[in-house]
Amino acid sequence: ARMRQAADQVLVTAYMNDIARPPADYPPRELLTQAYETNKERLKTPRQYQVSQIYVAGTDDKARKTADELAREARRRGANFAAIARRASQHEASAAQGGDMGWLPEPDLVPAFRQALAQMAKGAISDPVQGAQGWHVLRLADVREAAERPFEEVRDALARELRLRRAMELEQAHLAALLARTPATVNGIALEDMARQLRDE
């Protein structure tokens, strides 16, 4: 019975997918252009930070003290942040790169990192920032401000989004038409049986 039910569900899904599939040439260019203009802010490339770190595992006072000492060492005149990171950072992957973590999009950062980096100038080194499992001494190398993405770069993603939205609209319209032709009815006898069973329980 379950296999038959699963097979029926597959057939229903295939039928609805066929009913709700927008035409091959949908959406037209003018609709894509309109969606692009309306959603320019949402489609922007977010601000990004080029960051290096020195990581100290642990959130206790001893780990914080070690992180403070490393931050002071990194701020000394002539200090080489990358060399200190290679020697002292306990995050192996970034330590091997001199602490470099590459470009980090602002929305992907945890709040503590986002707040610290937003207040830093290029080349600055932060006080230790507490993470979930340890302390991070951050160096801000560079910043890329949020920027609009050209239409051609986001065109395919917009088209997929509009096609999905149109498919949902077509599916809802089809179901509404079916319901209009065959209104839903309540099985009064079955409803009474269910009510009786609930009372008996």
N, C-alpha and C. Protein backbone atom coordinates (compact mmCIF):
# COMPACT_ATOMS: atom_id res chain seq x y z
N ALA A 1 0.83 -1.20 0.00
CA ALA A 1 0.00 0.00 0.00
C ALA A 1 0.88 1.27 0.00
N ARG A 2 1.96 1.21 0.76
CA ARG A 2 2.87 2.36 0.80
C ARG A 2 3.57 2.56 -0.54
N MET A 3 3.91 1.45 -1.19
CA MET A 3 4.55 1.56 -2.51
C MET A 3 3.59 2.16 -3.52
N ARG A 4 2.32 1.74 -3.46
CA ARG A 4 1.33 2.32 -4.37
C ARG A 4 1.14 3.80 -4.08
N GLN A 5 1.11 4.15 -2.78
CA GLN A 5 0.96 5.55 -2.39
C GLN A 5 2.14 6.38 -2.88
N ALA A 6 3.36 5.82 -2.76
CA ALA A 6 4.55 6.54 -3.23
C ALA A 6 4.51 6.72 -4.74
N ALA A 7 4.09 5.66 -5.46
CA ALA A 7 4.00 5.75 -6.92
C ALA A 7 2.96 6.80 -7.33
N ASP A 8 1.82 6.81 -6.63
CA ASP A 8 0.80 7.82 -6.94
C ASP A 8 1.33 9.23 -6.69
N GLN A 9 2.11 9.39 -5.61
CA GLN A 9 2.66 10.71 -5.29
C GLN A 9 3.64 11.16 -6.37
N VAL A 10 4.43 10.24 -6.88
CA VAL A 10 5.37 10.57 -7.96
C VAL A 10 4.61 11.03 -9.20
N LEU A 11 3.53 10.34 -9.53
CA LEU A 11 2.74 10.72 -10.69
C LEU A 11 2.10 12.09 -10.50
N VAL A 12 1.55 12.34 -9.31
CA VAL A 12 0.93 13.63 -9.03
C VAL A 12 1.96 14.75 -9.12
N THR A 13 3.15 14.50 -8.54
CA THR A 13 4.21 15.52 -8.58
C THR A 13 4.63 15.81 -10.01
N ALA A 14 4.79 14.75 -10.82
CA ALA A 14 5.18 14.95 -12.22
C ALA A 14 4.11 15.72 -12.98
N TYR A 15 2.85 15.40 -12.70
CA TYR A 15 1.75 16.10 -13.36
C TYR A 15 1.73 17.58 -12.98
N MET A 16 1.89 17.87 -11.68
CA MET A 16 1.86 19.25 -11.24
C MET A 16 3.07 20.03 -11.75
N ASN A 17 4.23 19.35 -11.82
CA ASN A 17 5.40 20.03 -12.37
C ASN A 17 5.18 20.40 -13.83
N ASP A 18 4.51 19.52 -14.57
CA ASP A 18 4.23 19.80 -15.98
C ASP A 18 3.22 20.94 -16.11
N ILE A 19 2.18 20.93 -15.27
CA ILE A 19 1.17 21.98 -15.30
C ILE A 19 1.78 23.34 -14.95
N ALA A 20 2.68 23.34 -13.96
CA ALA A 20 3.21 24.60 -13.42
C ALA A 20 4.46 25.09 -14.14
N ARG A 21 4.93 24.35 -15.15
CA ARG A 21 6.17 24.76 -15.82
C ARG A 21 5.91 25.99 -16.69
N PRO A 22 6.62 27.11 -16.42
CA PRO A 22 6.44 28.30 -17.26
C PRO A 22 6.94 28.05 -18.68
N PRO A 23 6.52 28.85 -19.65
CA PRO A 23 7.02 28.70 -21.02
C PRO A 23 8.54 28.84 -21.06
N ALA A 24 9.15 28.25 -22.09
CA ALA A 24 10.62 28.25 -22.19
C ALA A 24 11.19 29.65 -22.27
N ASP A 25 10.44 30.59 -22.85
CA ASP A 25 10.96 31.95 -23.02
C ASP A 25 10.61 32.87 -21.84
N TYR A 26 10.12 32.29 -20.75
CA TYR A 26 9.80 33.09 -19.56
C TYR A 26 11.00 33.08 -18.62
N PRO A 27 11.33 34.22 -18.01
CA PRO A 27 10.69 35.54 -18.09
C PRO A 27 11.23 36.37 -19.26
N PRO A 28 10.41 37.27 -19.81
CA PRO A 28 10.90 38.15 -20.87
C PRO A 28 11.93 39.14 -20.33
N ARG A 29 12.72 39.72 -21.23
CA ARG A 29 13.80 40.60 -20.82
C ARG A 29 13.28 41.79 -20.02
N GLU A 30 12.13 42.35 -20.42
CA GLU A 30 11.63 43.53 -19.70
C GLU A 30 11.29 43.21 -18.24
N LEU A 31 10.80 41.99 -17.98
CA LEU A 31 10.51 41.59 -16.60
C LEU A 31 11.80 41.39 -15.82
N LEU A 32 12.80 40.82 -16.47
CA LEU A 32 14.11 40.65 -15.83
C LEU A 32 14.71 42.00 -15.47
N THR A 33 14.63 42.94 -16.42
CA THR A 33 15.18 44.28 -16.18
C THR A 33 14.46 44.96 -15.03
N GLN A 34 13.15 44.82 -14.99
CA GLN A 34 12.36 45.41 -13.90
C GLN A 34 12.75 44.80 -12.55
N ALA A 35 12.91 43.47 -12.52
CA ALA A 35 13.30 42.80 -11.28
C ALA A 35 14.69 43.24 -10.84
N TYR A 36 15.58 43.45 -11.80
CA TYR A 36 16.93 43.91 -11.47
C TYR A 36 16.89 45.29 -10.84
N GLU A 37 16.14 46.21 -11.44
CA GLU A 37 16.07 47.57 -10.92
C GLU A 37 15.43 47.60 -9.54
N THR A 38 14.42 46.76 -9.33
CA THR A 38 13.71 46.73 -8.05
C THR A 38 14.57 46.15 -6.93
N ASN A 39 15.46 45.20 -7.29
CA ASN A 39 16.20 44.46 -6.27
C ASN A 39 17.69 44.79 -6.26
N LYS A 40 18.07 45.95 -6.78
CA LYS A 40 19.49 46.30 -6.85
C LYS A 40 20.17 46.23 -5.49
N GLU A 41 19.49 46.72 -4.47
CA GLU A 41 20.10 46.73 -3.13
C GLU A 41 20.36 45.32 -2.63
N ARG A 42 19.38 44.44 -2.82
CA ARG A 42 19.52 43.05 -2.37
C ARG A 42 20.59 42.30 -3.16
N LEU A 43 20.79 42.68 -4.41
CA LEU A 43 21.72 41.98 -5.29
C LEU A 43 23.15 42.49 -5.18
N LYS A 44 23.39 43.49 -4.34
CA LYS A 44 24.74 44.04 -4.21
C LYS A 44 25.72 42.98 -3.69
N THR A 45 26.97 43.12 -4.13
CA THR A 45 28.04 42.37 -3.51
C THR A 45 28.28 42.97 -2.13
N PRO A 46 28.24 42.18 -1.05
CA PRO A 46 28.39 42.75 0.30
C PRO A 46 29.80 43.27 0.54
N ARG A 47 29.93 44.14 1.55
CA ARG A 47 31.25 44.57 1.98
C ARG A 47 32.08 43.35 2.37
N GLN A 48 33.36 43.39 2.03
CA GLN A 48 34.26 42.28 2.35
C GLN A 48 35.51 42.81 3.06
N TYR A 49 36.04 42.00 3.96
CA TYR A 49 37.24 42.35 4.70
C TYR A 49 38.34 41.33 4.39
N GLN A 50 39.55 41.82 4.11
CA GLN A 50 40.70 40.94 3.98
C GLN A 50 41.38 40.88 5.35
N VAL A 51 41.35 39.71 5.96
CA VAL A 51 41.69 39.58 7.37
C VAL A 51 42.77 38.52 7.58
N SER A 52 43.67 38.82 8.52
CA SER A 52 44.61 37.82 9.05
C SER A 52 44.33 37.69 10.55
N GLN A 53 44.71 36.54 11.11
CA GLN A 53 44.44 36.32 12.53
C GLN A 53 45.57 35.58 13.21
N ILE A 54 45.62 35.78 14.52
CA ILE A 54 46.39 34.93 15.43
C ILE A 54 45.36 34.34 16.38
N TYR A 55 45.28 33.03 16.42
CA TYR A 55 44.22 32.36 17.19
C TYR A 55 44.81 31.67 18.41
N VAL A 56 44.15 31.88 19.55
CA VAL A 56 44.52 31.20 20.79
C VAL A 56 43.31 30.39 21.27
N ALA A 57 43.47 29.09 21.34
CA ALA A 57 42.36 28.22 21.75
C ALA A 57 42.08 28.38 23.24
N GLY A 58 40.79 28.25 23.58
CA GLY A 58 40.38 28.34 24.98
C GLY A 58 39.78 29.70 25.29
N THR A 59 38.81 29.72 26.19
CA THR A 59 38.14 30.97 26.55
C THR A 59 38.40 31.38 27.99
N ASP A 60 39.33 30.71 28.65
CA ASP A 60 39.62 31.03 30.05
C ASP A 60 40.58 32.22 30.14
N ASP A 61 40.88 32.63 31.38
CA ASP A 61 41.75 33.79 31.61
C ASP A 61 43.16 33.58 31.06
N LYS A 62 43.67 32.35 31.15
CA LYS A 62 45.01 32.06 30.66
C LYS A 62 45.09 32.29 29.15
N ALA A 63 44.08 31.81 28.42
CA ALA A 63 44.06 32.00 26.97
C ALA A 63 43.93 33.48 26.63
N ARG A 64 43.10 34.20 27.38
CA ARG A 64 42.94 35.64 27.14
C ARG A 64 44.27 36.37 27.38
N LYS A 65 44.98 36.00 28.42
CA LYS A 65 46.26 36.64 28.72
C LYS A 65 47.26 36.39 27.60
N THR A 66 47.30 35.16 27.09
CA THR A 66 48.20 34.84 25.97
C THR A 66 47.83 35.66 24.73
N ALA A 67 46.53 35.78 24.46
CA ALA A 67 46.09 36.56 23.31
C ALA A 67 46.46 38.03 23.46
N ASP A 68 46.32 38.57 24.68
CA ASP A 68 46.72 39.96 24.94
C ASP A 68 48.21 40.17 24.66
N GLU A 69 49.03 39.23 25.11
CA GLU A 69 50.47 39.34 24.90
C GLU A 69 50.82 39.29 23.42
N LEU A 70 50.15 38.42 22.68
CA LEU A 70 50.41 38.32 21.25
C LEU A 70 49.95 39.58 20.50
N ALA A 71 48.82 40.16 20.95
CA ALA A 71 48.35 41.40 20.33
C ALA A 71 49.35 42.53 20.55
N ARG A 72 49.88 42.63 21.78
CA ARG A 72 50.88 43.66 22.07
C ARG A 72 52.15 43.44 21.24
N GLU A 73 52.57 42.18 21.13
CA GLU A 73 53.75 41.87 20.32
C GLU A 73 53.54 42.25 18.86
N ALA A 74 52.36 41.97 18.34
CA ALA A 74 52.07 42.26 16.93
C ALA A 74 52.01 43.75 16.65
N ARG A 75 51.70 44.56 17.68
CA ARG A 75 51.60 46.01 17.50
C ARG A 75 52.94 46.73 17.64
N ARG A 76 53.97 46.03 18.10
CA ARG A 76 55.26 46.70 18.28
C ARG A 76 55.81 47.17 16.94
N ARG A 77 56.50 48.28 16.98
CA ARG A 77 57.10 48.84 15.77
C ARG A 77 58.01 47.79 15.10
N GLY A 78 57.79 47.59 13.82
CA GLY A 78 58.60 46.65 13.07
C GLY A 78 58.19 45.19 13.20
N ALA A 79 57.14 44.93 13.98
CA ALA A 79 56.70 43.54 14.16
C ALA A 79 56.15 42.98 12.85
N ASN A 80 56.34 41.68 12.64
CA ASN A 80 55.85 40.99 11.45
C ASN A 80 54.68 40.11 11.85
N PHE A 81 53.47 40.57 11.55
CA PHE A 81 52.26 39.85 11.97
C PHE A 81 52.25 38.43 11.42
N ALA A 82 52.61 38.29 10.14
CA ALA A 82 52.58 36.96 9.52
C ALA A 82 53.53 35.99 10.22
N ALA A 83 54.72 36.48 10.59
CA ALA A 83 55.68 35.61 11.26
C ALA A 83 55.17 35.19 12.64
N ILE A 84 54.55 36.13 13.35
CA ILE A 84 53.99 35.80 14.67
C ILE A 84 52.87 34.78 14.53
N ALA A 85 52.02 34.97 13.51
CA ALA A 85 50.92 34.03 13.29
C ALA A 85 51.44 32.62 12.98
N ARG A 86 52.48 32.54 12.14
CA ARG A 86 53.04 31.22 11.81
C ARG A 86 53.60 30.54 13.06
N ARG A 87 54.19 31.34 13.95
CA ARG A 87 54.81 30.77 15.15
C ARG A 87 53.81 30.45 16.25
N ALA A 88 52.83 31.34 16.46
CA ALA A 88 52.03 31.24 17.69
C ALA A 88 50.56 30.90 17.48
N SER A 89 50.01 31.12 16.27
CA SER A 89 48.58 30.87 16.09
C SER A 89 48.27 29.38 16.19
N GLN A 90 47.18 29.06 16.85
CA GLN A 90 46.78 27.67 17.04
C GLN A 90 45.71 27.23 16.04
N HIS A 91 45.47 28.05 15.02
CA HIS A 91 44.60 27.66 13.91
C HIS A 91 45.51 27.27 12.75
N GLU A 92 45.69 25.96 12.55
CA GLU A 92 46.74 25.46 11.67
C GLU A 92 46.60 25.98 10.24
N ALA A 93 45.38 25.95 9.71
CA ALA A 93 45.20 26.32 8.30
C ALA A 93 45.62 27.76 8.02
N SER A 94 45.15 28.69 8.85
CA SER A 94 45.52 30.09 8.62
C SER A 94 46.95 30.38 9.07
N ALA A 95 47.43 29.69 10.10
CA ALA A 95 48.81 29.90 10.57
C ALA A 95 49.80 29.59 9.45
N ALA A 96 49.53 28.54 8.68
CA ALA A 96 50.42 28.17 7.59
C ALA A 96 50.48 29.26 6.52
N GLN A 97 49.45 30.11 6.47
CA GLN A 97 49.40 31.21 5.51
C GLN A 97 49.77 32.55 6.16
N GLY A 98 50.46 32.49 7.27
CA GLY A 98 50.81 33.72 7.98
C GLY A 98 49.61 34.39 8.60
N GLY A 99 48.58 33.60 8.92
CA GLY A 99 47.36 34.12 9.53
C GLY A 99 46.30 34.55 8.53
N ASP A 100 46.64 34.54 7.24
CA ASP A 100 45.72 35.06 6.21
C ASP A 100 44.47 34.18 6.10
N MET A 101 43.31 34.82 6.21
CA MET A 101 42.04 34.11 6.05
C MET A 101 41.32 34.53 4.77
N GLY A 102 41.99 35.33 3.94
CA GLY A 102 41.39 35.74 2.67
C GLY A 102 40.34 36.82 2.85
N TRP A 103 39.47 36.93 1.84
CA TRP A 103 38.39 37.93 1.85
C TRP A 103 37.15 37.33 2.49
N LEU A 104 36.63 37.99 3.52
CA LEU A 104 35.47 37.50 4.26
C LEU A 104 34.28 38.42 4.05
N PRO A 105 33.17 37.93 3.45
CA PRO A 105 31.97 38.76 3.29
C PRO A 105 31.38 39.15 4.65
N GLU A 106 30.99 40.39 4.79
CA GLU A 106 30.48 40.88 6.07
C GLU A 106 29.31 40.06 6.60
N PRO A 107 28.32 39.67 5.76
CA PRO A 107 27.19 38.91 6.31
C PRO A 107 27.58 37.55 6.88
N ASP A 108 28.74 37.01 6.46
CA ASP A 108 29.15 35.69 6.95
C ASP A 108 29.87 35.75 8.29
N LEU A 109 30.21 36.94 8.76
CA LEU A 109 30.96 37.08 9.99
C LEU A 109 30.06 36.98 11.22
N VAL A 110 30.58 36.41 12.29
CA VAL A 110 29.84 36.43 13.56
C VAL A 110 29.80 37.87 14.06
N PRO A 111 28.80 38.24 14.84
CA PRO A 111 28.65 39.64 15.26
C PRO A 111 29.88 40.25 15.90
N ALA A 112 30.60 39.49 16.73
CA ALA A 112 31.77 40.05 17.41
C ALA A 112 32.86 40.45 16.40
N PHE A 113 33.07 39.63 15.38
CA PHE A 113 34.06 39.94 14.35
C PHE A 113 33.60 41.14 13.53
N ARG A 114 32.31 41.14 13.16
CA ARG A 114 31.78 42.23 12.33
C ARG A 114 31.93 43.56 13.05
N GLN A 115 31.62 43.58 14.34
CA GLN A 115 31.71 44.82 15.11
C GLN A 115 33.16 45.29 15.22
N ALA A 116 34.08 44.37 15.48
CA ALA A 116 35.48 44.75 15.63
C ALA A 116 36.05 45.28 14.31
N LEU A 117 35.81 44.59 13.22
CA LEU A 117 36.37 44.98 11.93
C LEU A 117 35.79 46.29 11.43
N ALA A 118 34.51 46.54 11.71
CA ALA A 118 33.86 47.76 11.24
C ALA A 118 34.50 49.01 11.86
N GLN A 119 35.14 48.86 13.00
CA GLN A 119 35.74 50.00 13.70
C GLN A 119 37.23 50.15 13.43
N MET A 120 37.80 49.25 12.62
CA MET A 120 39.24 49.23 12.41
C MET A 120 39.64 49.94 11.11
N ALA A 121 40.81 50.55 11.13
CA ALA A 121 41.39 51.12 9.92
C ALA A 121 42.26 50.07 9.25
N LYS A 122 42.54 50.26 7.97
CA LYS A 122 43.39 49.32 7.25
C LYS A 122 44.76 49.25 7.92
N GLY A 123 45.22 48.03 8.13
CA GLY A 123 46.52 47.83 8.77
C GLY A 123 46.45 47.73 10.28
N ALA A 124 45.28 48.02 10.87
CA ALA A 124 45.14 48.00 12.33
C ALA A 124 45.07 46.56 12.85
N ILE A 125 45.43 46.40 14.13
CA ILE A 125 45.39 45.11 14.80
C ILE A 125 44.46 45.24 16.01
N SER A 126 43.56 44.33 16.12
CA SER A 126 42.51 44.42 17.15
C SER A 126 43.01 43.93 18.50
N ASP A 127 42.26 44.32 19.55
CA ASP A 127 42.36 43.61 20.82
C ASP A 127 41.80 42.21 20.60
N PRO A 128 42.13 41.25 21.46
CA PRO A 128 41.58 39.91 21.27
C PRO A 128 40.04 39.93 21.23
N VAL A 129 39.50 39.23 20.23
CA VAL A 129 38.05 39.12 20.05
C VAL A 129 37.66 37.69 20.41
N GLN A 130 36.69 37.55 21.31
CA GLN A 130 36.32 36.20 21.76
C GLN A 130 35.41 35.54 20.74
N GLY A 131 35.80 34.32 20.35
CA GLY A 131 34.97 33.49 19.51
C GLY A 131 34.35 32.37 20.32
N ALA A 132 33.75 31.41 19.64
CA ALA A 132 33.07 30.33 20.34
C ALA A 132 34.04 29.45 21.12
N GLN A 133 35.27 29.28 20.58
CA GLN A 133 36.19 28.33 21.22
C GLN A 133 37.54 28.94 21.55
N GLY A 134 37.69 30.24 21.34
CA GLY A 134 38.99 30.83 21.63
C GLY A 134 39.02 32.32 21.33
N TRP A 135 40.24 32.88 21.34
CA TRP A 135 40.44 34.31 21.14
C TRP A 135 41.13 34.55 19.81
N HIS A 136 40.72 35.62 19.12
CA HIS A 136 41.25 35.95 17.80
C HIS A 136 41.84 37.36 17.83
N VAL A 137 43.11 37.48 17.49
CA VAL A 137 43.72 38.79 17.27
C VAL A 137 43.66 39.03 15.77
N LEU A 138 42.94 40.06 15.36
CA LEU A 138 42.66 40.29 13.95
C LEU A 138 43.51 41.43 13.38
N ARG A 139 43.96 41.25 12.17
CA ARG A 139 44.62 42.33 11.43
C ARG A 139 43.82 42.58 10.16
N LEU A 140 43.39 43.84 9.99
CA LEU A 140 42.60 44.20 8.81
C LEU A 140 43.55 44.70 7.73
N ALA A 141 43.67 43.93 6.64
CA ALA A 141 44.57 44.30 5.55
C ALA A 141 43.90 45.25 4.56
N ASP A 142 42.63 44.99 4.24
CA ASP A 142 41.96 45.82 3.23
C ASP A 142 40.45 45.64 3.35
N VAL A 143 39.71 46.54 2.68
CA VAL A 143 38.25 46.51 2.70
C VAL A 143 37.74 46.74 1.28
N ARG A 144 36.76 45.95 0.89
CA ARG A 144 36.03 46.20 -0.36
C ARG A 144 34.61 46.60 0.03
N GLU A 145 34.21 47.79 -0.38
CA GLU A 145 32.87 48.26 -0.04
C GLU A 145 31.82 47.52 -0.86
N ALA A 146 30.60 47.52 -0.35
CA ALA A 146 29.49 46.91 -1.09
C ALA A 146 29.36 47.58 -2.45
N ALA A 147 29.05 46.79 -3.47
CA ALA A 147 29.00 47.34 -4.83
C ALA A 147 27.87 46.67 -5.62
N GLU A 148 27.28 47.44 -6.53
CA GLU A 148 26.24 46.89 -7.39
C GLU A 148 26.85 45.87 -8.35
N ARG A 149 26.11 44.77 -8.57
CA ARG A 149 26.55 43.77 -9.54
C ARG A 149 25.89 44.05 -10.88
N PRO A 150 26.61 43.94 -11.98
CA PRO A 150 26.02 44.23 -13.29
C PRO A 150 24.90 43.26 -13.63
N PHE A 151 23.97 43.73 -14.46
CA PHE A 151 22.79 42.94 -14.83
C PHE A 151 23.17 41.57 -15.36
N GLU A 152 24.14 41.50 -16.26
CA GLU A 152 24.50 40.23 -16.88
C GLU A 152 25.02 39.22 -15.86
N GLU A 153 25.61 39.71 -14.78
CA GLU A 153 26.16 38.82 -13.75
C GLU A 153 25.07 38.14 -12.95
N VAL A 154 23.93 38.81 -12.77
CA VAL A 154 22.85 38.25 -11.94
C VAL A 154 21.65 37.79 -12.76
N ARG A 155 21.75 37.93 -14.07
CA ARG A 155 20.60 37.62 -14.93
C ARG A 155 20.09 36.20 -14.74
N ASP A 156 20.99 35.20 -14.75
CA ASP A 156 20.55 33.81 -14.65
C ASP A 156 19.88 33.52 -13.31
N ALA A 157 20.45 34.07 -12.23
CA ALA A 157 19.86 33.85 -10.90
C ALA A 157 18.48 34.49 -10.82
N LEU A 158 18.34 35.69 -11.39
CA LEU A 158 17.03 36.35 -11.39
C LEU A 158 16.02 35.55 -12.21
N ALA A 159 16.46 35.02 -13.35
CA ALA A 159 15.56 34.23 -14.20
C ALA A 159 15.07 33.00 -13.45
N ARG A 160 15.97 32.31 -12.74
CA ARG A 160 15.55 31.13 -11.97
C ARG A 160 14.54 31.51 -10.89
N GLU A 161 14.79 32.61 -10.22
CA GLU A 161 13.89 33.07 -9.16
C GLU A 161 12.51 33.40 -9.72
N LEU A 162 12.47 34.10 -10.85
CA LEU A 162 11.19 34.48 -11.46
C LEU A 162 10.45 33.26 -12.01
N ARG A 163 11.17 32.29 -12.56
CA ARG A 163 10.52 31.08 -13.06
C ARG A 163 9.91 30.27 -11.91
N LEU A 164 10.64 30.20 -10.80
CA LEU A 164 10.10 29.47 -9.64
C LEU A 164 8.85 30.15 -9.11
N ARG A 165 8.89 31.49 -9.03
CA ARG A 165 7.72 32.22 -8.55
C ARG A 165 6.53 32.02 -9.49
N ARG A 166 6.80 32.05 -10.81
CA ARG A 166 5.73 31.86 -11.78
C ARG A 166 5.16 30.45 -11.70
N ALA A 167 6.02 29.45 -11.47
CA ALA A 167 5.55 28.07 -11.34
C ALA A 167 4.61 27.93 -10.15
N MET A 168 4.95 28.58 -9.05
CA MET A 168 4.09 28.52 -7.86
C MET A 168 2.73 29.18 -8.15
N GLU A 169 2.76 30.29 -8.89
CA GLU A 169 1.51 30.97 -9.24
C GLU A 169 0.64 30.08 -10.13
N LEU A 170 1.26 29.41 -11.12
CA LEU A 170 0.51 28.53 -12.02
C LEU A 170 -0.08 27.34 -11.26
N GLU A 171 0.68 26.79 -10.33
CA GLU A 171 0.19 25.67 -9.54
C GLU A 171 -1.00 26.08 -8.68
N GLN A 172 -0.89 27.24 -8.02
CA GLN A 172 -1.99 27.72 -7.19
C GLN A 172 -3.23 28.00 -8.04
N ALA A 173 -3.04 28.58 -9.22
CA ALA A 173 -4.17 28.87 -10.10
C ALA A 173 -4.86 27.58 -10.55
N HIS A 174 -4.06 26.56 -10.86
CA HIS A 174 -4.63 25.28 -11.29
C HIS A 174 -5.43 24.64 -10.16
N LEU A 175 -4.89 24.65 -8.96
CA LEU A 175 -5.60 24.07 -7.81
C LEU A 175 -6.88 24.84 -7.50
N ALA A 176 -6.82 26.17 -7.63
CA ALA A 176 -8.01 26.97 -7.39
C ALA A 176 -9.10 26.66 -8.42
N ALA A 177 -8.70 26.45 -9.68
CA ALA A 177 -9.67 26.11 -10.73
C ALA A 177 -10.30 24.75 -10.46
N LEU A 178 -9.49 23.78 -10.02
CA LEU A 178 -10.03 22.46 -9.69
C LEU A 178 -11.02 22.56 -8.55
N LEU A 179 -10.69 23.35 -7.54
CA LEU A 179 -11.55 23.50 -6.38
C LEU A 179 -12.86 24.20 -6.75
N ALA A 180 -12.78 25.14 -7.69
CA ALA A 180 -13.99 25.84 -8.13
C ALA A 180 -14.93 24.89 -8.86
N ARG A 181 -14.35 23.96 -9.64
CA ARG A 181 -15.19 22.99 -10.37
C ARG A 181 -15.74 21.91 -9.46
N THR A 182 -14.93 21.53 -8.45
CA THR A 182 -15.34 20.46 -7.55
C THR A 182 -15.11 20.93 -6.12
N PRO A 183 -16.05 21.68 -5.54
CA PRO A 183 -15.85 22.21 -4.19
C PRO A 183 -15.62 21.10 -3.18
N ALA A 184 -14.81 21.38 -2.19
CA ALA A 184 -14.54 20.42 -1.12
C ALA A 184 -15.79 20.22 -0.28
N THR A 185 -16.04 18.97 0.11
CA THR A 185 -17.19 18.67 0.96
C THR A 185 -16.71 17.96 2.22
N VAL A 186 -17.49 18.07 3.25
CA VAL A 186 -17.17 17.44 4.53
C VAL A 186 -17.99 16.17 4.66
N ASN A 187 -17.35 15.07 4.97
CA ASN A 187 -18.02 13.80 5.20
C ASN A 187 -18.56 13.82 6.63
N GLY A 188 -19.86 14.11 6.75
CA GLY A 188 -20.46 14.27 8.06
C GLY A 188 -20.41 13.01 8.91
N ILE A 189 -20.61 11.85 8.27
CA ILE A 189 -20.60 10.59 9.01
C ILE A 189 -19.22 10.32 9.58
N ALA A 190 -18.19 10.51 8.73
CA ALA A 190 -16.82 10.27 9.20
C ALA A 190 -16.47 11.25 10.31
N LEU A 191 -16.96 12.50 10.20
CA LEU A 191 -16.67 13.50 11.22
C LEU A 191 -17.30 13.11 12.55
N GLU A 192 -18.52 12.60 12.50
CA GLU A 192 -19.19 12.16 13.72
C GLU A 192 -18.45 10.98 14.35
N ASP A 193 -17.98 10.04 13.50
CA ASP A 193 -17.23 8.89 14.02
C ASP A 193 -15.96 9.35 14.73
N MET A 194 -15.26 10.33 14.13
CA MET A 194 -14.05 10.83 14.75
C MET A 194 -14.36 11.49 16.09
N ALA A 195 -15.42 12.27 16.14
CA ALA A 195 -15.81 12.94 17.38
C ALA A 195 -16.16 11.92 18.46
N ARG A 196 -16.85 10.83 18.05
CA ARG A 196 -17.25 9.79 19.00
C ARG A 196 -16.00 9.12 19.57
N GLN A 197 -15.03 8.82 18.69
CA GLN A 197 -13.81 8.16 19.16
C GLN A 197 -13.06 9.04 20.15
N LEU A 198 -13.02 10.36 19.88
CA LEU A 198 -12.34 11.28 20.79
C LEU A 198 -13.03 11.31 22.15
N ARG A 199 -14.39 11.29 22.12
CA ARG A 199 -15.12 11.31 23.39
C ARG A 199 -14.85 10.05 24.18
N ASP A 200 -14.79 8.90 23.46
CA ASP A 200 -14.58 7.61 24.13
C ASP A 200 -13.19 7.55 24.77
N GLU A 201 -12.21 8.20 24.09
CA GLU A 201 -10.86 8.20 24.64
C GLU A 201 -10.79 9.04 25.91
